[in-house]
Amino acid sequence: MKINLKKDAFLGQLFPGLKDDDWQDDSRLAQYLRNAYSRGGYTPEVKIEDDIVQISVDEQEVSKVNKVYQSALYLASKGAYDRAKVIIKPLLDEGTQNAELFRVYGQCLAEEGDKEGAMNYLIDALKWDPNHTESLIVMGNLYAEGKGDLETAQVFFDKVMELEPDNYLALNNIGGVLSKSGQLEQGAVFFKRALEAEPNFPFALYGLALTSFKTADYAECFDYCCRAMSSAGKDDQFRTLIRPLRGLMIETASYYAETVAAEELYHSLHQELENATGRLIEIEPSDNIPTAAKLEVAEYKKRDVHRVLYKPKYTAVAHLIMHEMIHLELIMEAREIDENQLFSRPLHNQQRGTAR
């Protein structure tokens, strides 16, 4: 088995014991790595050309390892972390080179709350397989969320992107970790890259919606929510996202309503209806009406003006006012085609009609 590494920051994370002299002297670096990869009296061959390090190690018999791995993976997926560790540990102690075993053992420790122990085993996984995406992601997560060390987390995330630039699940995961750590701008970059790889991926859209909400861009948040809701509704695997999306949409709409003056929302409709009816439309608050809002049509009330009354204690007042204005618009349209009985029947019958 050949392990290829670059002389970069990632190598430094795998082997934090490297000193400045080791980096500057290839022979010292090669000796350090030979010692690090030696197992049971076997010393691997290490070659360094320019910035590329190649380590050649003996392959192990894989049948036993695979059997243990499948059993451990099943136990870990059921939350039986102790049992999974028990069957993995002997192989680790024997010097296995299987990165997945180190990864599963490390994740079991992480789930149990032992973050430092988890990182040690995940680093071992990456020593045997520097391209092990799952271990890279978990290491980045642990540095970002567990230690608050975003600079180091980014070393692992950058390695993932180098290996799998179109892995939208990994991109979304990284975006979520960065956003939770307060790096909203960086997180949004990864959410958008996830959408480039998988357009309309609901979780990435939801991530961008949350980012917009946290930055008080409520209009953009609502738009992302709508797109995520539309996409999630087409696939049952995203069903769990519907409820949080709905809640975020309601909360966003509430905040957005507070940032916009009510009159701005209905001003154009107000002007259009005044021109269409040839009458002024008064809009006034009132606590003496039986409903949240009420339309008083001028002709019904024998007035020169129409009136829209609303209870000021209600939220979304603009919506209530516009709702009543639309009633007036429908009345005017019906009047024009002679379908409104209150306008078309004789005056003595009209007077017996119920006025709003």
Protein backbone atom coordinates (compact mmCIF):
# COMPACT_ATOMS: atom_id res chain seq x y z
CA MET A 1 0.00 0.00 0.00
CA LYS A 2 1.30 3.44 -0.93
CA ILE A 3 0.36 6.52 1.07
CA ASN A 4 0.86 9.86 -0.68
CA LEU A 5 1.06 13.11 1.25
CA LYS A 6 2.00 16.70 0.51
CA LYS A 7 4.37 18.76 2.62
CA ASP A 8 1.66 21.18 3.70
CA ALA A 9 -0.46 22.26 6.68
CA PHE A 10 -2.45 19.03 6.51
CA LEU A 11 0.70 16.96 7.05
CA GLY A 12 1.44 19.15 10.06
CA GLN A 13 -1.97 18.31 11.53
CA LEU A 14 -1.36 14.59 11.07
CA PHE A 15 2.06 14.79 12.71
CA PRO A 16 2.10 17.70 15.17
CA GLY A 17 5.44 16.44 16.53
CA LEU A 18 7.28 17.58 13.40
CA LYS A 19 9.82 20.31 14.13
CA ASP A 20 11.10 23.08 11.89
CA ASP A 21 14.28 21.11 11.15
CA ASP A 22 12.19 18.14 9.99
CA TRP A 23 10.36 20.33 7.47
CA GLN A 24 13.57 21.81 6.10
CA ASP A 25 15.56 18.56 5.87
CA ASP A 26 13.99 15.80 3.75
CA SER A 27 16.16 13.11 5.35
CA ARG A 28 14.97 14.10 8.83
CA LEU A 29 11.37 14.18 7.62
CA ALA A 30 11.72 10.75 6.01
CA GLN A 31 13.19 9.29 9.21
CA TYR A 32 10.39 10.79 11.29
CA LEU A 33 7.77 9.23 9.02
CA ARG A 34 9.54 5.86 8.94
CA ASN A 35 9.39 5.80 12.73
CA ALA A 36 5.75 6.88 12.74
CA TYR A 37 4.67 4.12 10.35
CA SER A 38 6.83 1.32 11.77
CA ARG A 39 4.81 -1.67 13.02
CA GLY A 40 5.99 -4.92 14.63
CA GLY A 41 9.60 -4.63 13.52
CA TYR A 42 8.63 -3.56 9.99
CA THR A 43 9.93 -0.19 8.78
CA PRO A 44 8.32 1.28 5.66
CA GLU A 45 10.10 2.90 2.75
CA VAL A 46 9.71 6.68 2.53
CA LYS A 47 10.47 8.71 -0.60
CA ILE A 48 10.31 12.49 -0.87
CA GLU A 49 10.35 14.28 -4.20
CA ASP A 50 9.82 18.03 -4.17
CA ASP A 51 6.71 18.50 -1.99
CA ILE A 52 5.36 14.96 -2.37
CA VAL A 53 5.93 12.30 0.29
CA GLN A 54 5.31 8.63 -0.59
CA ILE A 55 5.22 5.94 2.11
CA SER A 56 5.19 2.26 1.11
CA VAL A 57 3.81 -0.18 3.70
CA ASP A 58 2.94 -3.88 3.63
CA GLU A 59 -0.66 -4.81 2.85
CA GLN A 60 -2.52 -6.73 5.55
CA GLU A 61 -4.96 -9.59 5.20
CA VAL A 62 -8.34 -7.88 4.86
CA SER A 63 -10.94 -10.62 5.39
CA LYS A 64 -10.80 -10.54 9.19
CA VAL A 65 -10.75 -6.75 9.23
CA ASN A 66 -13.79 -6.50 6.96
CA LYS A 67 -15.83 -8.86 9.14
CA VAL A 68 -15.02 -6.88 12.28
CA TYR A 69 -15.67 -3.59 10.50
CA GLN A 70 -19.17 -4.58 9.35
CA SER A 71 -20.11 -5.79 12.83
CA ALA A 72 -18.72 -2.66 14.50
CA LEU A 73 -20.48 -0.41 12.02
CA TYR A 74 -23.81 -2.10 12.73
CA LEU A 75 -23.36 -1.82 16.51
CA ALA A 76 -22.33 1.83 16.30
CA SER A 77 -25.35 2.66 14.12
CA LYS A 78 -27.56 1.23 16.90
CA GLY A 79 -25.83 3.31 19.57
CA ALA A 80 -23.97 0.33 21.08
CA TYR A 81 -20.66 2.22 21.14
CA ASP A 82 -19.04 0.18 23.92
CA ARG A 83 -19.69 -3.10 22.11
CA ALA A 84 -18.40 -1.67 18.84
CA LYS A 85 -15.19 -0.52 20.52
CA VAL A 86 -14.65 -3.90 22.20
CA ILE A 87 -14.49 -5.77 18.90
CA ILE A 88 -12.37 -3.11 17.15
CA LYS A 89 -9.73 -2.52 19.84
CA PRO A 90 -7.83 -5.82 19.45
CA LEU A 91 -7.22 -5.11 15.76
CA LEU A 92 -6.06 -1.59 16.55
CA ASP A 93 -3.65 -2.95 19.14
CA GLU A 94 -2.32 -5.48 16.61
CA GLY A 95 -1.37 -2.61 14.31
CA THR A 96 -4.13 -2.66 11.70
CA GLN A 97 -3.72 -0.28 8.79
CA ASN A 98 -7.46 -0.03 8.14
CA ALA A 99 -8.50 3.63 8.30
CA GLU A 100 -12.19 2.80 8.64
CA LEU A 101 -11.62 0.95 11.90
CA PHE A 102 -9.83 3.95 13.36
CA ARG A 103 -12.61 6.22 12.07
CA VAL A 104 -15.44 4.15 13.59
CA TYR A 105 -13.59 3.86 16.91
CA GLY A 106 -12.96 7.60 16.92
CA GLN A 107 -16.58 8.44 16.16
CA CYS A 108 -17.75 6.13 18.95
CA LEU A 109 -15.57 8.11 21.35
CA ALA A 110 -16.93 11.38 19.98
CA GLU A 111 -20.51 10.22 20.52
CA GLU A 112 -19.60 9.33 24.10
CA GLY A 113 -18.20 12.82 24.67
CA ASP A 114 -14.48 12.01 24.52
CA LYS A 115 -13.54 14.57 21.88
CA GLU A 116 -9.79 14.44 22.47
CA GLY A 117 -9.71 10.66 22.29
CA ALA A 118 -11.82 10.76 19.15
CA MET A 119 -9.42 13.16 17.45
CA ASN A 120 -6.43 10.94 18.25
CA TYR A 121 -8.01 7.94 16.53
CA LEU A 122 -9.26 9.99 13.59
CA ILE A 123 -5.75 11.33 13.06
CA ASP A 124 -4.54 7.71 13.01
CA ALA A 125 -7.18 6.97 10.37
CA LEU A 126 -5.84 9.83 8.25
CA LYS A 127 -2.26 8.67 8.67
CA TRP A 128 -3.21 5.40 6.98
CA ASP A 129 -5.51 7.05 4.46
CA PRO A 130 -4.95 10.81 4.04
CA ASN A 131 -7.88 10.91 1.60
CA HIS A 132 -10.41 9.45 4.02
CA THR A 133 -13.23 11.96 3.53
CA GLU A 134 -15.38 10.91 6.50
CA SER A 135 -12.47 11.31 8.92
CA LEU A 136 -11.55 14.67 7.42
CA ILE A 137 -15.09 15.97 7.89
CA VAL A 138 -15.40 14.72 11.47
CA MET A 139 -12.01 16.22 12.36
CA GLY A 140 -13.10 19.55 10.91
CA ASN A 141 -16.35 19.36 12.86
CA LEU A 142 -14.55 18.61 16.12
CA TYR A 143 -12.13 21.49 15.70
CA ALA A 144 -14.88 23.93 14.72
CA GLU A 145 -17.60 22.94 17.18
CA GLY A 146 -15.61 21.28 19.95
CA LYS A 147 -12.61 23.59 20.12
CA GLY A 148 -13.79 26.71 18.32
CA ASP A 149 -10.62 26.49 16.22
CA LEU A 150 -11.93 27.43 12.78
CA GLU A 151 -8.49 27.96 11.27
CA THR A 152 -7.49 24.35 11.91
CA ALA A 153 -10.96 23.10 10.96
CA GLN A 154 -10.53 24.82 7.60
CA VAL A 155 -7.36 22.77 6.93
CA PHE A 156 -9.45 19.59 7.01
CA PHE A 157 -12.39 21.10 5.13
CA ASP A 158 -10.07 22.37 2.38
CA LYS A 159 -8.69 18.85 2.02
CA VAL A 160 -12.24 17.51 1.55
CA MET A 161 -12.90 20.09 -1.16
CA GLU A 162 -9.63 19.21 -2.87
CA LEU A 163 -10.64 15.55 -2.97
CA GLU A 164 -14.37 15.85 -3.68
CA PRO A 165 -15.29 19.33 -4.93
CA ASP A 166 -18.80 18.18 -5.95
CA ASN A 167 -19.70 16.26 -2.79
CA TYR A 168 -22.81 18.29 -1.95
CA LEU A 169 -23.46 16.39 1.29
CA ALA A 170 -19.98 17.22 2.55
CA LEU A 171 -20.31 20.82 1.34
CA ASN A 172 -23.61 21.21 3.16
CA ASN A 173 -22.19 19.63 6.31
CA ILE A 174 -19.24 22.01 6.33
CA GLY A 175 -21.54 24.97 5.71
CA GLY A 176 -23.65 23.97 8.68
CA VAL A 177 -20.67 23.59 11.00
CA LEU A 178 -19.23 26.97 10.02
CA SER A 179 -22.59 28.71 10.39
CA LYS A 180 -23.18 27.22 13.84
CA SER A 181 -19.73 28.46 14.82
CA GLY A 182 -20.69 32.01 13.85
CA GLN A 183 -18.90 32.07 10.49
CA LEU A 184 -22.04 32.92 8.54
CA GLU A 185 -20.31 34.28 5.46
CA GLN A 186 -18.01 31.27 5.15
CA GLY A 187 -20.89 28.91 5.80
CA ALA A 188 -22.98 30.52 3.06
CA VAL A 189 -20.14 29.95 0.58
CA PHE A 190 -20.30 26.20 1.20
CA PHE A 191 -24.12 26.10 1.05
CA LYS A 192 -23.98 27.81 -2.34
CA ARG A 193 -21.32 25.40 -3.56
CA ALA A 194 -23.56 22.53 -2.46
CA LEU A 195 -26.35 24.00 -4.58
CA GLU A 196 -24.02 24.26 -7.55
CA ALA A 197 -23.36 20.53 -7.23
CA GLU A 198 -26.99 19.62 -6.43
CA PRO A 199 -29.44 22.38 -7.42
CA ASN A 200 -32.39 22.87 -5.04
CA PHE A 201 -30.91 20.61 -2.34
CA PRO A 202 -33.37 21.41 0.49
CA PHE A 203 -30.87 21.35 3.37
CA ALA A 204 -28.54 23.79 1.61
CA LEU A 205 -31.48 26.11 0.89
CA TYR A 206 -32.54 25.84 4.52
CA GLY A 207 -28.99 26.67 5.59
CA LEU A 208 -29.01 29.80 3.44
CA ALA A 209 -32.44 30.72 4.80
CA LEU A 210 -31.12 30.52 8.37
CA THR A 211 -28.07 32.56 7.37
CA SER A 212 -30.27 35.27 5.86
CA PHE A 213 -32.48 35.27 8.95
CA LYS A 214 -29.48 35.73 11.25
CA THR A 215 -28.29 38.65 9.13
CA ALA A 216 -31.80 40.19 9.18
CA ASP A 217 -32.31 39.82 5.41
CA TYR A 218 -35.88 38.65 5.87
CA ALA A 219 -36.99 38.96 2.25
CA GLU A 220 -34.13 36.74 1.10
CA CYS A 221 -34.77 34.33 3.98
CA PHE A 222 -38.40 33.95 2.95
CA ASP A 223 -37.39 33.31 -0.66
CA TYR A 224 -34.96 30.56 0.35
CA CYS A 225 -37.64 29.06 2.61
CA CYS A 226 -40.11 28.94 -0.27
CA ARG A 227 -37.57 27.24 -2.53
CA ALA A 228 -36.63 24.74 0.17
CA MET A 229 -40.28 24.00 0.95
CA SER A 230 -41.03 23.40 -2.72
CA SER A 231 -38.06 21.06 -3.12
CA ALA A 232 -38.58 19.20 0.18
CA GLY A 233 -42.23 18.58 -0.63
CA LYS A 234 -41.25 16.52 -3.66
CA ASP A 235 -39.27 13.89 -1.75
CA ASP A 236 -40.31 12.02 1.40
CA GLN A 237 -36.73 11.82 2.67
CA PHE A 238 -36.87 15.57 3.35
CA ARG A 239 -40.23 15.45 5.15
CA THR A 240 -38.64 16.28 8.52
CA LEU A 241 -37.57 19.64 7.10
CA ILE A 242 -41.14 20.84 6.45
CA ARG A 243 -41.99 21.79 10.03
CA PRO A 244 -38.86 23.87 10.78
CA LEU A 245 -39.22 25.55 7.40
CA ARG A 246 -42.82 26.46 8.13
CA GLY A 247 -41.85 27.86 11.52
CA LEU A 248 -39.01 29.90 10.02
CA MET A 249 -41.30 31.29 7.32
CA ILE A 250 -43.85 32.47 9.90
CA GLU A 251 -41.17 34.04 12.10
CA THR A 252 -39.51 35.68 9.11
CA ALA A 253 -42.78 37.14 7.86
CA SER A 254 -43.44 38.57 11.31
CA TYR A 255 -40.05 40.26 11.50
CA TYR A 256 -40.29 41.48 7.91
CA ALA A 257 -43.66 43.08 8.61
CA GLU A 258 -42.02 45.13 11.37
CA THR A 259 -39.40 46.50 8.98
CA VAL A 260 -41.90 47.80 6.43
CA ALA A 261 -44.38 50.59 7.07
CA ALA A 262 -47.89 49.25 6.55
CA GLU A 263 -48.78 52.10 4.21
CA GLU A 264 -45.96 51.14 1.85
CA LEU A 265 -47.62 47.78 1.25
CA TYR A 266 -51.08 49.03 0.36
CA HIS A 267 -50.33 52.53 -0.96
CA SER A 268 -50.52 51.68 -4.69
CA LEU A 269 -53.73 49.66 -4.28
CA HIS A 270 -55.20 52.51 -2.22
CA GLN A 271 -54.51 55.00 -5.01
CA GLU A 272 -55.81 52.70 -7.74
CA LEU A 273 -59.11 52.11 -5.93
CA GLU A 274 -59.63 55.80 -5.20
CA ASN A 275 -59.17 56.52 -8.90
CA ALA A 276 -61.42 53.63 -9.94
CA THR A 277 -64.27 54.48 -7.55
CA GLY A 278 -63.96 58.23 -7.80
CA ARG A 279 -64.08 58.47 -4.01
CA LEU A 280 -61.59 58.86 -1.22
CA ILE A 281 -60.88 55.83 0.94
CA GLU A 282 -60.31 56.64 4.59
CA ILE A 283 -58.24 54.19 6.61
CA GLU A 284 -58.71 54.47 10.35
CA PRO A 285 -58.05 52.42 13.48
CA SER A 286 -61.05 51.39 15.54
CA ASP A 287 -61.60 49.26 18.63
CA ASN A 288 -65.37 49.35 18.15
CA ILE A 289 -65.70 46.90 15.26
CA PRO A 290 -66.65 43.23 15.76
CA THR A 291 -63.94 41.84 13.48
CA ALA A 292 -60.23 42.48 12.94
CA ALA A 293 -61.05 44.78 10.01
CA LYS A 294 -64.15 46.10 8.29
CA LEU A 295 -65.04 47.76 4.99
CA GLU A 296 -67.74 50.45 4.89
CA VAL A 297 -68.81 51.12 1.30
CA ALA A 298 -69.78 54.75 0.71
CA GLU A 299 -72.98 53.91 -1.21
CA TYR A 300 -74.19 51.58 1.53
CA LYS A 301 -73.52 54.11 4.27
CA LYS A 302 -74.76 57.12 2.26
CA ARG A 303 -71.38 58.80 2.59
CA ASP A 304 -69.06 60.50 0.17
CA VAL A 305 -66.09 58.32 1.14
CA HIS A 306 -65.33 54.65 1.62
CA ARG A 307 -63.85 53.63 4.97
CA VAL A 308 -61.58 50.79 6.00
CA LEU A 309 -61.50 50.27 9.76
CA TYR A 310 -59.04 47.99 11.55
CA LYS A 311 -58.14 47.01 15.08
CA PRO A 312 -54.61 48.34 15.72
CA LYS A 313 -53.76 45.63 18.28
CA TYR A 314 -53.63 43.00 15.52
CA THR A 315 -50.39 42.04 13.79
CA ALA A 316 -50.07 42.25 10.00
CA VAL A 317 -52.36 45.27 9.85
CA ALA A 318 -51.37 45.92 6.24
CA HIS A 319 -52.72 42.50 5.27
CA LEU A 320 -56.05 43.24 6.99
CA ILE A 321 -56.39 46.58 5.23
CA MET A 322 -55.51 45.13 1.83
CA HIS A 323 -57.98 42.30 2.39
CA GLU A 324 -60.81 44.81 2.86
CA MET A 325 -59.65 46.84 -0.14
CA ILE A 326 -59.83 43.74 -2.30
CA HIS A 327 -63.45 43.33 -1.20
CA LEU A 328 -64.09 46.85 -2.49
CA GLU A 329 -62.32 46.05 -5.75
CA LEU A 330 -64.48 42.94 -6.24
CA ILE A 331 -67.62 44.98 -5.54
CA MET A 332 -66.59 47.52 -8.17
CA GLU A 333 -65.85 44.78 -10.72
CA ALA A 334 -69.21 43.14 -10.07
CA ARG A 335 -70.93 46.49 -10.35
CA GLU A 336 -69.38 47.06 -13.76
CA ILE A 337 -70.80 43.79 -15.10
CA ASP A 338 -74.13 44.31 -13.32
CA GLU A 339 -73.81 41.24 -11.09
CA ASN A 340 -73.94 42.93 -7.71
CA GLN A 341 -77.55 42.66 -6.51
CA LEU A 342 -77.11 45.49 -4.04
CA PHE A 343 -76.47 47.83 -6.95
CA SER A 344 -78.77 46.28 -9.56
CA ARG A 345 -82.03 45.85 -7.62
CA PRO A 346 -84.52 48.70 -6.99
CA LEU A 347 -83.67 51.28 -4.36
CA HIS A 348 -86.51 50.28 -1.98
CA ASN A 349 -85.12 46.70 -1.91
CA GLN A 350 -81.57 47.93 -1.67
CA GLN A 351 -82.39 49.81 1.48
CA ARG A 352 -83.50 46.58 3.14
CA GLY A 353 -80.16 44.95 2.33
CA THR A 354 -77.64 44.35 5.04
CA ALA A 355 -74.86 46.91 4.96
CA ARG A 356 -71.34 46.08 6.08
